[in-house]
């Protein structure tokens, strides 16, 4: 399997650590090689994606961040012809329907309400890295990923 890059922007250091530990578990227990690029906020995320744009990748965005929100970053990604095709997963504690609808409208591929259990985070990431993103079509009926 090709290595996959995951770009993850979140202002919560605990969430970043939790996600990183899940990636470590996935890479040590499977054949999946995952390279995690974390960003404590939205700054430099777009540049980081562009530097690695030729790679197999997924972007995870928290919604509520200082400097740039996940919604603003999603909008930037979808407007940039160099990276507009990157799969984007909105990864938030919010279950607010307005947020979810806005993410769908702006072109996110999935919306995930952050799981609290470590095993659920591992399962969620594992499922997303197995998706054939070249053939993926966003489905409004299955937009919210359920662990």
N, C-alpha and C. Protein backbone atom coordinates (compact mmCIF):
# COMPACT_ATOMS: atom_id res chain seq x y z
N UNK A 1 0.85 -1.19 0.00
CA UNK A 1 0.00 0.00 0.00
C UNK A 1 0.89 1.25 0.00
N UNK A 2 0.46 2.25 -0.76
CA UNK A 2 1.20 3.51 -0.80
C UNK A 2 1.15 4.21 0.55
N UNK A 3 2.23 4.90 0.91
CA UNK A 3 2.16 5.70 2.14
C UNK A 3 1.09 6.78 1.98
N UNK A 4 0.49 7.15 3.08
CA UNK A 4 -0.53 8.19 3.05
C UNK A 4 -0.13 9.30 4.02
N UNK A 5 -0.29 10.53 3.58
CA UNK A 5 -0.04 11.69 4.43
C UNK A 5 -1.37 12.16 5.00
N UNK A 6 -1.38 12.43 6.28
CA UNK A 6 -2.55 13.03 6.91
C UNK A 6 -2.13 14.39 7.44
N UNK A 7 -2.88 15.40 7.02
CA UNK A 7 -2.68 16.77 7.49
C UNK A 7 -3.80 17.05 8.48
N UNK A 8 -3.43 17.37 9.72
CA UNK A 8 -4.43 17.55 10.76
C UNK A 8 -4.20 18.89 11.46
N UNK A 9 -5.21 19.77 11.40
CA UNK A 9 -5.15 21.07 12.05
C UNK A 9 -6.16 21.10 13.20
N UNK A 10 -5.64 21.40 14.39
CA UNK A 10 -6.48 21.48 15.58
C UNK A 10 -5.75 22.34 16.61
N UNK A 11 -6.47 23.19 17.31
CA UNK A 11 -5.83 24.03 18.31
C UNK A 11 -5.75 23.37 19.68
N UNK A 12 -6.30 22.18 19.82
CA UNK A 12 -6.29 21.46 21.10
C UNK A 12 -5.13 20.46 21.12
N UNK A 13 -4.13 20.74 21.93
CA UNK A 13 -2.94 19.89 21.97
C UNK A 13 -3.26 18.47 22.42
N UNK A 14 -4.24 18.31 23.31
CA UNK A 14 -4.63 16.96 23.74
C UNK A 14 -5.22 16.17 22.58
N UNK A 15 -6.06 16.83 21.77
CA UNK A 15 -6.64 16.15 20.60
C UNK A 15 -5.55 15.77 19.60
N UNK A 16 -4.57 16.66 19.42
CA UNK A 16 -3.46 16.36 18.51
C UNK A 16 -2.67 15.15 19.02
N UNK A 17 -2.42 15.09 20.31
CA UNK A 17 -1.68 13.97 20.89
C UNK A 17 -2.47 12.67 20.76
N UNK A 18 -3.75 12.72 21.04
CA UNK A 18 -4.64 11.56 20.95
C UNK A 18 -4.63 11.01 19.51
N UNK A 19 -4.75 11.89 18.54
CA UNK A 19 -4.75 11.53 17.12
C UNK A 19 -3.39 10.93 16.75
N UNK A 20 -2.31 11.55 17.20
CA UNK A 20 -0.96 11.06 16.92
C UNK A 20 -0.76 9.65 17.48
N UNK A 21 -1.24 9.41 18.69
CA UNK A 21 -1.14 8.07 19.29
C UNK A 21 -1.92 7.04 18.47
N UNK A 22 -3.07 7.44 17.94
CA UNK A 22 -3.86 6.54 17.10
C UNK A 22 -3.10 6.20 15.82
N UNK A 23 -2.46 7.20 15.21
CA UNK A 23 -1.65 6.97 14.01
C UNK A 23 -0.51 6.01 14.32
N UNK A 24 0.15 6.20 15.46
CA UNK A 24 1.25 5.31 15.84
C UNK A 24 0.76 3.87 15.99
N UNK A 25 -0.39 3.69 16.59
CA UNK A 25 -0.97 2.35 16.75
C UNK A 25 -1.27 1.73 15.39
N UNK A 26 -1.85 2.50 14.50
CA UNK A 26 -2.19 2.00 13.16
C UNK A 26 -0.94 1.56 12.42
N UNK A 27 0.10 2.38 12.47
CA UNK A 27 1.31 2.06 11.69
C UNK A 27 2.10 0.90 12.29
N UNK A 28 2.02 0.70 13.59
CA UNK A 28 2.76 -0.42 14.18
C UNK A 28 2.00 -1.74 14.08
N UNK A 29 0.69 -1.68 13.94
CA UNK A 29 -0.12 -2.90 13.91
C UNK A 29 -0.61 -3.29 12.52
N UNK A 30 -0.22 -2.55 11.51
CA UNK A 30 -0.68 -2.88 10.16
C UNK A 30 0.41 -2.56 9.16
N UNK A 31 0.10 -2.80 7.92
CA UNK A 31 1.04 -2.49 6.84
C UNK A 31 0.90 -1.06 6.35
N UNK A 32 -0.01 -0.32 6.93
CA UNK A 32 -0.26 1.06 6.50
C UNK A 32 0.85 1.99 6.99
N UNK A 33 1.47 2.69 6.06
CA UNK A 33 2.45 3.70 6.42
C UNK A 33 1.76 5.05 6.36
N UNK A 34 1.63 5.69 7.52
CA UNK A 34 0.95 6.97 7.61
C UNK A 34 1.93 8.01 8.14
N UNK A 35 1.99 9.13 7.45
CA UNK A 35 2.84 10.24 7.85
C UNK A 35 1.91 11.36 8.30
N UNK A 36 2.01 11.72 9.58
CA UNK A 36 1.11 12.72 10.13
C UNK A 36 1.80 14.08 10.17
N UNK A 37 1.11 15.09 9.62
CA UNK A 37 1.55 16.48 9.65
C UNK A 37 0.54 17.23 10.51
N UNK A 38 0.95 17.64 11.71
CA UNK A 38 0.01 18.34 12.58
C UNK A 38 0.27 19.84 12.57
N UNK A 39 -0.81 20.56 12.74
CA UNK A 39 -0.76 22.03 12.77
C UNK A 39 -1.63 22.47 13.93
N UNK A 40 -1.04 23.26 14.83
CA UNK A 40 -1.75 23.69 16.03
C UNK A 40 -2.87 24.67 15.72
N UNK A 41 -2.85 25.22 14.55
CA UNK A 41 -3.94 26.07 14.07
C UNK A 41 -3.87 26.06 12.55
N UNK A 42 -4.65 26.84 11.91
CA UNK A 42 -4.70 26.82 10.46
C UNK A 42 -3.53 27.44 9.74
N UNK A 43 -2.69 28.18 10.48
CA UNK A 43 -1.55 28.82 9.83
C UNK A 43 -0.62 27.75 9.26
N UNK A 44 -0.15 27.99 8.09
CA UNK A 44 0.83 27.13 7.40
C UNK A 44 0.26 25.81 6.89
N UNK A 45 -0.99 25.52 7.17
CA UNK A 45 -1.57 24.26 6.71
C UNK A 45 -1.60 24.20 5.19
N UNK A 46 -2.12 25.23 4.56
CA UNK A 46 -2.24 25.25 3.10
C UNK A 46 -0.86 25.09 2.45
N UNK A 47 0.13 25.78 2.98
CA UNK A 47 1.49 25.67 2.44
C UNK A 47 2.03 24.25 2.59
N UNK A 48 1.76 23.64 3.72
CA UNK A 48 2.21 22.27 3.97
C UNK A 48 1.56 21.29 3.00
N UNK A 49 0.27 21.47 2.75
CA UNK A 49 -0.42 20.60 1.79
C UNK A 49 0.19 20.78 0.40
N UNK A 50 0.40 22.03 0.01
CA UNK A 50 0.95 22.30 -1.32
C UNK A 50 2.35 21.71 -1.49
N UNK A 51 3.15 21.72 -0.44
CA UNK A 51 4.49 21.15 -0.51
C UNK A 51 4.45 19.64 -0.76
N UNK A 52 3.36 19.00 -0.35
CA UNK A 52 3.23 17.55 -0.46
C UNK A 52 2.09 17.14 -1.39
N UNK A 53 1.70 18.02 -2.30
CA UNK A 53 0.48 17.81 -3.08
C UNK A 53 0.52 16.60 -4.02
N UNK A 54 1.67 16.09 -4.30
CA UNK A 54 1.77 14.93 -5.19
C UNK A 54 1.58 13.63 -4.43
N UNK A 55 1.41 13.70 -3.13
CA UNK A 55 1.32 12.50 -2.31
C UNK A 55 -0.13 12.09 -2.10
N UNK A 56 -0.32 10.86 -1.70
CA UNK A 56 -1.61 10.32 -1.31
C UNK A 56 -1.95 10.91 0.06
N UNK A 57 -3.04 11.68 0.18
CA UNK A 57 -3.26 12.42 1.43
C UNK A 57 -4.72 12.63 1.77
N UNK A 58 -4.95 12.91 3.06
CA UNK A 58 -6.26 13.28 3.60
C UNK A 58 -6.03 14.46 4.54
N UNK A 59 -6.98 15.39 4.57
CA UNK A 59 -6.91 16.54 5.47
C UNK A 59 -8.01 16.40 6.52
N UNK A 60 -7.64 16.55 7.79
CA UNK A 60 -8.59 16.58 8.90
C UNK A 60 -8.56 17.99 9.48
N UNK A 61 -9.74 18.60 9.61
CA UNK A 61 -9.82 19.97 10.11
C UNK A 61 -10.78 20.08 11.29
N UNK A 62 -10.28 20.64 12.38
CA UNK A 62 -11.15 21.04 13.47
C UNK A 62 -11.88 22.30 13.01
N UNK A 63 -13.08 22.53 13.48
CA UNK A 63 -13.82 23.71 13.04
C UNK A 63 -13.40 24.96 13.80
N UNK A 64 -13.37 24.89 15.11
CA UNK A 64 -13.13 26.08 15.93
C UNK A 64 -11.65 26.21 16.27
N UNK A 65 -10.97 27.10 15.55
CA UNK A 65 -9.56 27.36 15.79
C UNK A 65 -9.31 28.86 15.68
N UNK A 66 -8.29 29.34 16.39
CA UNK A 66 -7.93 30.75 16.23
C UNK A 66 -7.23 30.97 14.89
N UNK A 67 -7.08 32.19 14.50
CA UNK A 67 -6.46 32.61 13.23
C UNK A 67 -7.34 32.26 12.05
N UNK A 68 -7.50 30.97 11.75
CA UNK A 68 -8.39 30.54 10.68
C UNK A 68 -9.20 29.35 11.18
N UNK A 69 -10.48 29.41 10.96
CA UNK A 69 -11.33 28.30 11.37
C UNK A 69 -11.22 27.17 10.34
N UNK A 70 -11.68 26.01 10.72
CA UNK A 70 -11.70 24.89 9.79
C UNK A 70 -12.57 25.18 8.58
N UNK A 71 -13.64 25.94 8.78
CA UNK A 71 -14.51 26.31 7.66
C UNK A 71 -13.77 27.21 6.67
N UNK A 72 -12.99 28.16 7.19
CA UNK A 72 -12.21 29.04 6.31
C UNK A 72 -11.15 28.24 5.55
N UNK A 73 -10.52 27.31 6.24
CA UNK A 73 -9.50 26.48 5.59
C UNK A 73 -10.12 25.59 4.51
N UNK A 74 -11.27 25.01 4.82
CA UNK A 74 -11.98 24.18 3.84
C UNK A 74 -12.29 25.00 2.59
N UNK A 75 -12.79 26.20 2.80
CA UNK A 75 -13.11 27.09 1.68
C UNK A 75 -11.86 27.40 0.85
N UNK A 76 -10.75 27.67 1.51
CA UNK A 76 -9.49 27.95 0.80
C UNK A 76 -9.03 26.74 -0.01
N UNK A 77 -9.12 25.57 0.59
CA UNK A 77 -8.70 24.34 -0.11
C UNK A 77 -9.55 24.14 -1.36
N UNK A 78 -10.85 24.29 -1.24
CA UNK A 78 -11.74 24.05 -2.38
C UNK A 78 -11.62 25.11 -3.47
N UNK A 79 -11.09 26.27 -3.15
CA UNK A 79 -10.92 27.33 -4.15
C UNK A 79 -9.54 27.30 -4.80
N UNK A 80 -8.62 26.51 -4.28
CA UNK A 80 -7.25 26.46 -4.79
C UNK A 80 -7.12 25.29 -5.76
N UNK A 81 -6.93 25.58 -7.03
CA UNK A 81 -6.91 24.53 -8.05
C UNK A 81 -5.78 23.52 -7.85
N UNK A 82 -4.72 23.88 -7.14
CA UNK A 82 -3.63 22.95 -6.88
C UNK A 82 -4.01 21.85 -5.89
N UNK A 83 -4.92 22.15 -4.98
CA UNK A 83 -5.23 21.20 -3.91
C UNK A 83 -6.73 20.94 -3.72
N UNK A 84 -7.56 21.44 -4.62
CA UNK A 84 -9.01 21.36 -4.44
C UNK A 84 -9.55 19.94 -4.36
N UNK A 85 -8.83 18.97 -4.91
CA UNK A 85 -9.30 17.58 -4.94
C UNK A 85 -8.94 16.80 -3.69
N UNK A 86 -8.16 17.40 -2.79
CA UNK A 86 -7.78 16.69 -1.57
C UNK A 86 -9.02 16.33 -0.76
N UNK A 87 -9.11 15.09 -0.27
CA UNK A 87 -10.23 14.75 0.60
C UNK A 87 -10.11 15.49 1.93
N UNK A 88 -11.22 16.06 2.37
CA UNK A 88 -11.23 16.82 3.62
C UNK A 88 -12.30 16.24 4.54
N UNK A 89 -11.85 15.93 5.76
CA UNK A 89 -12.74 15.42 6.80
C UNK A 89 -12.81 16.48 7.89
N UNK A 90 -14.00 16.97 8.15
CA UNK A 90 -14.19 17.91 9.24
C UNK A 90 -14.29 17.09 10.52
N UNK A 91 -13.48 17.44 11.52
CA UNK A 91 -13.29 16.65 12.72
C UNK A 91 -13.52 17.55 13.91
N UNK A 92 -14.73 17.49 14.49
CA UNK A 92 -15.13 18.49 15.47
C UNK A 92 -15.91 17.88 16.63
N UNK A 93 -15.90 18.57 17.75
CA UNK A 93 -16.75 18.16 18.88
C UNK A 93 -18.19 18.61 18.66
N UNK A 94 -18.40 19.51 17.72
CA UNK A 94 -19.72 20.09 17.49
C UNK A 94 -20.64 19.13 16.72
N UNK A 95 -21.86 19.00 17.23
CA UNK A 95 -22.88 18.26 16.50
C UNK A 95 -23.95 19.21 15.98
N UNK A 96 -23.63 20.50 15.95
CA UNK A 96 -24.53 21.54 15.49
C UNK A 96 -24.86 21.32 14.01
N UNK A 97 -26.15 21.20 13.71
CA UNK A 97 -26.58 20.92 12.33
C UNK A 97 -26.21 22.03 11.36
N UNK A 98 -26.19 23.27 11.83
CA UNK A 98 -25.77 24.37 10.95
C UNK A 98 -24.31 24.20 10.53
N UNK A 99 -23.45 23.84 11.48
CA UNK A 99 -22.04 23.59 11.15
C UNK A 99 -21.90 22.45 10.15
N UNK A 100 -22.64 21.39 10.40
CA UNK A 100 -22.57 20.21 9.53
C UNK A 100 -23.02 20.57 8.12
N UNK A 101 -24.14 21.28 8.00
CA UNK A 101 -24.64 21.68 6.67
C UNK A 101 -23.67 22.63 5.97
N UNK A 102 -23.05 23.53 6.72
CA UNK A 102 -22.08 24.46 6.14
C UNK A 102 -20.88 23.69 5.59
N UNK A 103 -20.42 22.68 6.32
CA UNK A 103 -19.29 21.87 5.87
C UNK A 103 -19.63 21.12 4.58
N UNK A 104 -20.82 20.57 4.53
CA UNK A 104 -21.27 19.88 3.32
C UNK A 104 -21.34 20.87 2.15
N UNK A 105 -21.91 22.03 2.39
CA UNK A 105 -22.05 23.06 1.35
C UNK A 105 -20.69 23.52 0.83
N UNK A 106 -19.70 23.62 1.71
CA UNK A 106 -18.37 24.10 1.32
C UNK A 106 -17.51 23.01 0.67
N UNK A 107 -18.00 21.77 0.67
CA UNK A 107 -17.30 20.73 -0.06
C UNK A 107 -16.51 19.73 0.75
N UNK A 108 -16.78 19.61 2.05
CA UNK A 108 -16.11 18.58 2.84
C UNK A 108 -16.58 17.21 2.36
N UNK A 109 -15.74 16.21 2.54
CA UNK A 109 -16.09 14.85 2.14
C UNK A 109 -16.84 14.10 3.24
N UNK A 110 -16.47 14.36 4.48
CA UNK A 110 -17.12 13.74 5.64
C UNK A 110 -17.10 14.70 6.80
N UNK A 111 -17.98 14.44 7.75
CA UNK A 111 -18.02 15.17 9.01
C UNK A 111 -17.97 14.13 10.12
N UNK A 112 -17.01 14.29 11.04
CA UNK A 112 -16.87 13.36 12.16
C UNK A 112 -16.99 14.13 13.46
N UNK A 113 -17.87 13.67 14.33
CA UNK A 113 -17.92 14.20 15.69
C UNK A 113 -16.86 13.43 16.45
N UNK A 114 -15.90 14.17 17.03
CA UNK A 114 -14.74 13.54 17.66
C UNK A 114 -15.16 12.48 18.66
N UNK A 115 -14.67 11.26 18.45
CA UNK A 115 -14.96 10.20 19.43
C UNK A 115 -14.15 10.42 20.70
N UNK A 116 -14.68 9.95 21.80
CA UNK A 116 -13.96 10.10 23.07
C UNK A 116 -13.12 8.86 23.38
N UNK A 117 -13.44 7.75 22.76
CA UNK A 117 -12.68 6.52 23.01
C UNK A 117 -11.55 6.37 22.00
N UNK A 118 -10.39 6.00 22.51
CA UNK A 118 -9.20 5.83 21.68
C UNK A 118 -9.43 4.80 20.57
N UNK A 119 -10.07 3.69 20.91
CA UNK A 119 -10.31 2.64 19.90
C UNK A 119 -11.18 3.15 18.76
N UNK A 120 -12.09 4.06 19.06
CA UNK A 120 -12.95 4.62 18.02
C UNK A 120 -12.16 5.55 17.09
N UNK A 121 -11.20 6.28 17.65
CA UNK A 121 -10.34 7.14 16.83
C UNK A 121 -9.50 6.28 15.89
N UNK A 122 -8.93 5.21 16.42
CA UNK A 122 -8.14 4.29 15.59
C UNK A 122 -8.99 3.68 14.49
N UNK A 123 -10.19 3.24 14.82
CA UNK A 123 -11.10 2.65 13.83
C UNK A 123 -11.47 3.67 12.74
N UNK A 124 -11.77 4.89 13.16
CA UNK A 124 -12.17 5.94 12.21
C UNK A 124 -11.03 6.24 11.24
N UNK A 125 -9.84 6.48 11.76
CA UNK A 125 -8.70 6.79 10.88
C UNK A 125 -8.43 5.61 9.95
N UNK A 126 -8.46 4.41 10.48
CA UNK A 126 -8.22 3.20 9.67
C UNK A 126 -9.19 3.11 8.50
N UNK A 127 -10.45 3.42 8.76
CA UNK A 127 -11.45 3.37 7.68
C UNK A 127 -11.18 4.43 6.62
N UNK A 128 -10.81 5.64 7.06
CA UNK A 128 -10.57 6.71 6.10
C UNK A 128 -9.34 6.46 5.24
N UNK A 129 -8.31 5.83 5.78
CA UNK A 129 -7.12 5.58 4.96
C UNK A 129 -7.34 4.43 3.98
N UNK A 130 -8.41 3.67 4.16
CA UNK A 130 -8.72 2.58 3.24
C UNK A 130 -9.61 3.02 2.07
N UNK A 131 -10.20 4.19 2.16
CA UNK A 131 -11.10 4.68 1.10
C UNK A 131 -10.31 4.96 -0.17
N UNK A 132 -10.88 4.57 -1.29
CA UNK A 132 -10.32 4.94 -2.59
C UNK A 132 -10.87 6.33 -2.90
N UNK A 133 -10.11 7.35 -2.56
CA UNK A 133 -10.57 8.72 -2.68
C UNK A 133 -10.71 9.16 -4.12
N UNK A 134 -10.03 8.50 -5.05
CA UNK A 134 -10.17 8.86 -6.46
C UNK A 134 -11.58 8.59 -6.97
N UNK A 135 -12.26 7.60 -6.37
CA UNK A 135 -13.61 7.23 -6.80
C UNK A 135 -14.68 7.65 -5.81
N UNK A 136 -14.29 8.31 -4.74
CA UNK A 136 -15.25 8.68 -3.69
C UNK A 136 -16.17 9.81 -4.15
N UNK A 137 -17.45 9.64 -3.86
CA UNK A 137 -18.43 10.69 -4.09
C UNK A 137 -19.08 11.02 -2.75
N UNK A 138 -19.08 12.28 -2.39
CA UNK A 138 -19.71 12.70 -1.13
C UNK A 138 -21.20 12.45 -1.23
N UNK A 139 -21.73 11.82 -0.20
CA UNK A 139 -23.14 11.48 -0.14
C UNK A 139 -23.75 12.18 1.07
N UNK A 140 -24.69 13.06 0.83
CA UNK A 140 -25.29 13.82 1.94
C UNK A 140 -25.98 12.91 2.95
N UNK A 141 -26.40 11.71 2.52
CA UNK A 141 -27.04 10.78 3.44
C UNK A 141 -26.05 10.08 4.36
N UNK A 142 -24.78 10.02 3.93
CA UNK A 142 -23.74 9.37 4.74
C UNK A 142 -22.60 10.34 5.05
N UNK A 143 -22.92 11.61 5.08
CA UNK A 143 -21.90 12.64 5.29
C UNK A 143 -21.33 12.60 6.71
N UNK A 144 -22.19 12.36 7.69
CA UNK A 144 -21.73 12.27 9.08
C UNK A 144 -21.23 10.86 9.31
N UNK A 145 -19.94 10.75 9.62
CA UNK A 145 -19.35 9.44 9.87
C UNK A 145 -19.71 9.00 11.29
N UNK A 146 -20.25 7.81 11.40
CA UNK A 146 -20.61 7.24 12.71
C UNK A 146 -19.64 6.16 13.09
N UNK A 147 -19.09 6.28 14.30
CA UNK A 147 -18.14 5.28 14.78
C UNK A 147 -18.92 4.11 15.32
